[in-house]
Amino acid sequence: MVSLKSLLGKEVITYDGVYVGEVVDVEISEDWRVAKLIVRLERDAAKALGSRLALRPRGAVDVSKVKGLGDYVTLSVSFSELKEAAELL
C-alpha cells in the first residue's frame, strides 16, 4: 500500500523514459479509490497535451495508465501516446 504523502512529489515518466512532471494531487472517485493522478506538467508534456504556455500547467492521468510505482511513477504509454492517456486541466 502507498500513502498519499509518499506519492506527492514523485516524478512521472512515460514508458519510454520521458519526464512528464510531478504528482501534486490525486482525484478520488465516489467509492473512495484514487481515480487520477494530478501532475504538474513539464513544458514539453504540457505542449503535447495542447497547453498554451500556462504558468503551472496541470494534467490528470487515469491510474489505469500507471505501469509501476517506485522511485518514479511510470506510465504504460510512450510520450507520443501521452495525449491519449492524460487530459489537460
N, C-alpha and C. Protein backbone atom coordinates (compact mmCIF):
# COMPACT_ATOMS: atom_id res chain seq x y z
N MET A 1 0.84 -1.17 0.00
CA MET A 1 0.00 0.00 0.00
C MET A 1 0.89 1.24 0.00
N VAL A 2 0.43 2.30 -0.66
CA VAL A 2 1.19 3.53 -0.79
C VAL A 2 0.40 4.66 -0.13
N SER A 3 1.07 5.48 0.65
CA SER A 3 0.40 6.61 1.27
C SER A 3 0.40 7.81 0.32
N LEU A 4 -0.56 8.68 0.52
CA LEU A 4 -0.63 9.89 -0.30
C LEU A 4 0.62 10.73 -0.11
N LYS A 5 1.09 10.81 1.11
CA LYS A 5 2.28 11.60 1.41
C LYS A 5 3.49 11.13 0.60
N SER A 6 3.64 9.82 0.45
CA SER A 6 4.78 9.30 -0.30
C SER A 6 4.60 9.45 -1.81
N LEU A 7 3.35 9.58 -2.26
CA LEU A 7 3.07 9.73 -3.68
C LEU A 7 3.28 11.16 -4.17
N LEU A 8 2.91 12.13 -3.33
CA LEU A 8 3.06 13.54 -3.70
C LEU A 8 4.53 13.88 -3.90
N GLY A 9 4.81 14.55 -4.99
CA GLY A 9 6.18 14.94 -5.29
C GLY A 9 6.94 13.94 -6.15
N LYS A 10 6.38 12.76 -6.35
CA LYS A 10 7.06 11.76 -7.21
C LYS A 10 7.08 12.25 -8.65
N GLU A 11 8.20 11.99 -9.32
CA GLU A 11 8.32 12.32 -10.73
C GLU A 11 7.57 11.28 -11.56
N VAL A 12 6.95 11.75 -12.63
CA VAL A 12 6.19 10.89 -13.54
C VAL A 12 6.94 10.80 -14.86
N ILE A 13 7.16 9.57 -15.32
CA ILE A 13 7.83 9.37 -16.61
C ILE A 13 6.98 8.44 -17.48
N THR A 14 7.16 8.56 -18.78
CA THR A 14 6.48 7.67 -19.71
C THR A 14 7.21 6.35 -19.79
N TYR A 15 6.61 5.39 -20.47
CA TYR A 15 7.19 4.06 -20.63
C TYR A 15 8.56 4.12 -21.32
N ASP A 16 8.72 5.11 -22.21
CA ASP A 16 9.99 5.24 -22.92
C ASP A 16 10.95 6.21 -22.21
N GLY A 17 10.67 6.56 -20.94
CA GLY A 17 11.62 7.30 -20.12
C GLY A 17 11.58 8.81 -20.21
N VAL A 18 10.55 9.38 -20.83
CA VAL A 18 10.47 10.84 -20.95
C VAL A 18 9.80 11.41 -19.70
N TYR A 19 10.41 12.44 -19.13
CA TYR A 19 9.89 13.09 -17.93
C TYR A 19 8.62 13.87 -18.27
N VAL A 20 7.55 13.62 -17.52
CA VAL A 20 6.26 14.27 -17.75
C VAL A 20 6.02 15.38 -16.74
N GLY A 21 6.34 15.13 -15.49
CA GLY A 21 6.10 16.13 -14.46
C GLY A 21 6.15 15.50 -13.08
N GLU A 22 5.44 16.13 -12.14
CA GLU A 22 5.48 15.72 -10.74
C GLU A 22 4.06 15.62 -10.19
N VAL A 23 3.79 14.57 -9.41
CA VAL A 23 2.47 14.39 -8.80
C VAL A 23 2.25 15.49 -7.76
N VAL A 24 1.15 16.24 -7.90
CA VAL A 24 0.84 17.30 -6.94
C VAL A 24 -0.47 17.06 -6.20
N ASP A 25 -1.29 16.12 -6.69
CA ASP A 25 -2.58 15.85 -6.06
C ASP A 25 -3.14 14.57 -6.65
N VAL A 26 -4.25 14.11 -6.11
CA VAL A 26 -4.96 12.96 -6.66
C VAL A 26 -6.44 13.29 -6.74
N GLU A 27 -7.13 12.57 -7.59
CA GLU A 27 -8.59 12.69 -7.70
C GLU A 27 -9.18 11.39 -7.16
N ILE A 28 -10.12 11.52 -6.25
CA ILE A 28 -10.73 10.37 -5.59
C ILE A 28 -12.12 10.12 -6.20
N SER A 29 -12.43 8.85 -6.48
CA SER A 29 -13.74 8.50 -7.04
C SER A 29 -14.78 8.45 -5.92
N GLU A 30 -16.03 8.28 -6.30
CA GLU A 30 -17.12 8.22 -5.32
C GLU A 30 -17.00 7.02 -4.39
N ASP A 31 -16.33 5.97 -4.84
CA ASP A 31 -16.14 4.79 -3.97
C ASP A 31 -14.79 4.84 -3.23
N TRP A 32 -14.22 6.03 -3.10
CA TRP A 32 -13.04 6.30 -2.30
C TRP A 32 -11.78 5.63 -2.82
N ARG A 33 -11.66 5.50 -4.12
CA ARG A 33 -10.43 4.97 -4.73
C ARG A 33 -9.75 6.10 -5.50
N VAL A 34 -8.44 6.02 -5.59
CA VAL A 34 -7.72 7.01 -6.39
C VAL A 34 -8.06 6.75 -7.86
N ALA A 35 -8.63 7.74 -8.52
CA ALA A 35 -9.03 7.60 -9.92
C ALA A 35 -7.99 8.19 -10.87
N LYS A 36 -7.42 9.34 -10.47
CA LYS A 36 -6.47 10.03 -11.34
C LYS A 36 -5.37 10.65 -10.51
N LEU A 37 -4.20 10.75 -11.13
CA LEU A 37 -3.09 11.48 -10.55
C LEU A 37 -3.07 12.86 -11.19
N ILE A 38 -2.98 13.89 -10.37
CA ILE A 38 -2.87 15.26 -10.89
C ILE A 38 -1.38 15.58 -10.93
N VAL A 39 -0.91 15.96 -12.11
CA VAL A 39 0.52 16.13 -12.35
C VAL A 39 0.80 17.57 -12.79
N ARG A 40 1.79 18.21 -12.15
CA ARG A 40 2.28 19.49 -12.66
C ARG A 40 3.18 19.14 -13.83
N LEU A 41 2.77 19.58 -15.00
CA LEU A 41 3.41 19.14 -16.24
C LEU A 41 4.67 19.92 -16.59
N GLU A 42 5.64 19.20 -17.10
CA GLU A 42 6.84 19.79 -17.69
C GLU A 42 6.40 20.43 -19.01
N ARG A 43 7.14 21.42 -19.47
CA ARG A 43 6.74 22.21 -20.64
C ARG A 43 6.43 21.36 -21.88
N ASP A 44 7.29 20.40 -22.24
CA ASP A 44 7.06 19.59 -23.44
C ASP A 44 5.82 18.72 -23.30
N ALA A 45 5.58 18.20 -22.09
CA ALA A 45 4.39 17.39 -21.84
C ALA A 45 3.14 18.25 -21.95
N ALA A 46 3.21 19.47 -21.42
CA ALA A 46 2.07 20.38 -21.50
C ALA A 46 1.75 20.71 -22.95
N LYS A 47 2.79 20.95 -23.74
CA LYS A 47 2.58 21.23 -25.17
C LYS A 47 1.97 20.04 -25.88
N ALA A 48 2.41 18.84 -25.53
CA ALA A 48 1.87 17.62 -26.15
C ALA A 48 0.38 17.47 -25.87
N LEU A 49 -0.07 17.99 -24.71
CA LEU A 49 -1.48 17.91 -24.35
C LEU A 49 -2.28 19.13 -24.84
N GLY A 50 -1.61 20.08 -25.49
CA GLY A 50 -2.30 21.23 -26.06
C GLY A 50 -2.30 22.48 -25.22
N SER A 51 -1.46 22.56 -24.21
CA SER A 51 -1.38 23.75 -23.36
C SER A 51 -0.78 24.92 -24.13
N ARG A 52 -1.25 26.10 -23.79
CA ARG A 52 -0.71 27.30 -24.40
C ARG A 52 0.09 28.12 -23.39
N LEU A 53 1.14 27.52 -22.88
CA LEU A 53 2.10 28.19 -22.00
C LEU A 53 1.48 28.72 -20.71
N ALA A 54 0.71 27.92 -20.03
CA ALA A 54 0.21 28.29 -18.71
C ALA A 54 1.39 28.34 -17.75
N LEU A 55 1.27 29.14 -16.70
CA LEU A 55 2.37 29.25 -15.73
C LEU A 55 2.67 27.92 -15.06
N ARG A 56 1.65 27.25 -14.61
CA ARG A 56 1.81 25.95 -13.96
C ARG A 56 0.81 24.97 -14.54
N PRO A 57 1.06 24.50 -15.75
CA PRO A 57 0.08 23.59 -16.38
C PRO A 57 -0.03 22.29 -15.60
N ARG A 58 -1.27 21.81 -15.49
CA ARG A 58 -1.52 20.55 -14.79
C ARG A 58 -2.31 19.62 -15.69
N GLY A 59 -2.10 18.35 -15.49
CA GLY A 59 -2.82 17.34 -16.23
C GLY A 59 -3.28 16.24 -15.30
N ALA A 60 -4.29 15.50 -15.75
CA ALA A 60 -4.81 14.38 -14.97
C ALA A 60 -4.54 13.09 -15.74
N VAL A 61 -3.94 12.13 -15.05
CA VAL A 61 -3.62 10.84 -15.65
C VAL A 61 -4.44 9.77 -14.94
N ASP A 62 -5.22 9.02 -15.70
CA ASP A 62 -6.02 7.93 -15.13
C ASP A 62 -5.08 6.88 -14.57
N VAL A 63 -5.40 6.37 -13.38
CA VAL A 63 -4.50 5.39 -12.73
C VAL A 63 -4.39 4.09 -13.53
N SER A 64 -5.31 3.83 -14.43
CA SER A 64 -5.19 2.63 -15.26
C SER A 64 -4.00 2.73 -16.22
N LYS A 65 -3.47 3.93 -16.39
CA LYS A 65 -2.31 4.15 -17.26
C LYS A 65 -0.98 4.12 -16.49
N VAL A 66 -1.04 3.81 -15.20
CA VAL A 66 0.18 3.70 -14.40
C VAL A 66 0.67 2.27 -14.47
N LYS A 67 1.91 2.11 -14.92
CA LYS A 67 2.51 0.78 -15.04
C LYS A 67 3.23 0.37 -13.76
N GLY A 68 3.89 1.31 -13.13
CA GLY A 68 4.65 0.97 -11.94
C GLY A 68 4.87 2.17 -11.04
N LEU A 69 5.19 1.86 -9.80
CA LEU A 69 5.44 2.89 -8.80
C LEU A 69 6.64 2.48 -7.97
N GLY A 70 7.66 3.29 -8.03
CA GLY A 70 8.88 3.04 -7.26
C GLY A 70 9.51 4.38 -6.98
N ASP A 71 10.73 4.58 -7.46
CA ASP A 71 11.36 5.89 -7.35
C ASP A 71 10.61 6.91 -8.21
N TYR A 72 9.96 6.42 -9.27
CA TYR A 72 9.16 7.23 -10.19
C TYR A 72 7.79 6.59 -10.34
N VAL A 73 6.86 7.38 -10.83
CA VAL A 73 5.59 6.84 -11.31
C VAL A 73 5.80 6.61 -12.80
N THR A 74 5.74 5.37 -13.23
CA THR A 74 5.97 5.04 -14.64
C THR A 74 4.64 4.78 -15.32
N LEU A 75 4.39 5.48 -16.41
CA LEU A 75 3.16 5.30 -17.17
C LEU A 75 3.31 4.14 -18.15
N SER A 76 2.20 3.57 -18.56
CA SER A 76 2.22 2.45 -19.50
C SER A 76 2.17 2.90 -20.95
N VAL A 77 2.33 4.20 -21.18
CA VAL A 77 2.28 4.74 -22.54
C VAL A 77 3.59 5.46 -22.85
N SER A 78 3.91 5.56 -24.13
CA SER A 78 5.09 6.31 -24.56
C SER A 78 4.73 7.80 -24.63
N PHE A 79 5.73 8.63 -24.79
CA PHE A 79 5.48 10.08 -24.86
C PHE A 79 4.56 10.42 -26.03
N SER A 80 4.71 9.73 -27.14
CA SER A 80 3.87 10.02 -28.31
C SER A 80 2.41 9.64 -28.08
N GLU A 81 2.15 8.79 -27.09
CA GLU A 81 0.78 8.37 -26.76
C GLU A 81 0.20 9.12 -25.56
N LEU A 82 0.95 10.09 -25.04
CA LEU A 82 0.55 10.79 -23.83
C LEU A 82 -0.81 11.45 -23.94
N LYS A 83 -1.11 12.01 -25.09
CA LYS A 83 -2.38 12.73 -25.27
C LYS A 83 -3.58 11.80 -25.08
N GLU A 84 -3.40 10.52 -25.36
CA GLU A 84 -4.48 9.55 -25.19
C GLU A 84 -4.63 9.13 -23.73
N ALA A 85 -3.60 9.33 -22.91
CA ALA A 85 -3.60 8.84 -21.53
C ALA A 85 -3.87 9.92 -20.50
N ALA A 86 -3.75 11.19 -20.89
CA ALA A 86 -3.88 12.28 -19.93
C ALA A 86 -4.74 13.39 -20.50
N GLU A 87 -5.28 14.19 -19.61
CA GLU A 87 -6.07 15.35 -20.04
C GLU A 87 -5.51 16.60 -19.36
N LEU A 88 -5.58 17.69 -20.07
CA LEU A 88 -5.12 18.97 -19.56
C LEU A 88 -6.18 19.53 -18.63
N LEU A 89 -5.76 20.07 -17.51
CA LEU A 89 -6.70 20.68 -16.55
C LEU A 89 -6.64 22.19 -16.65
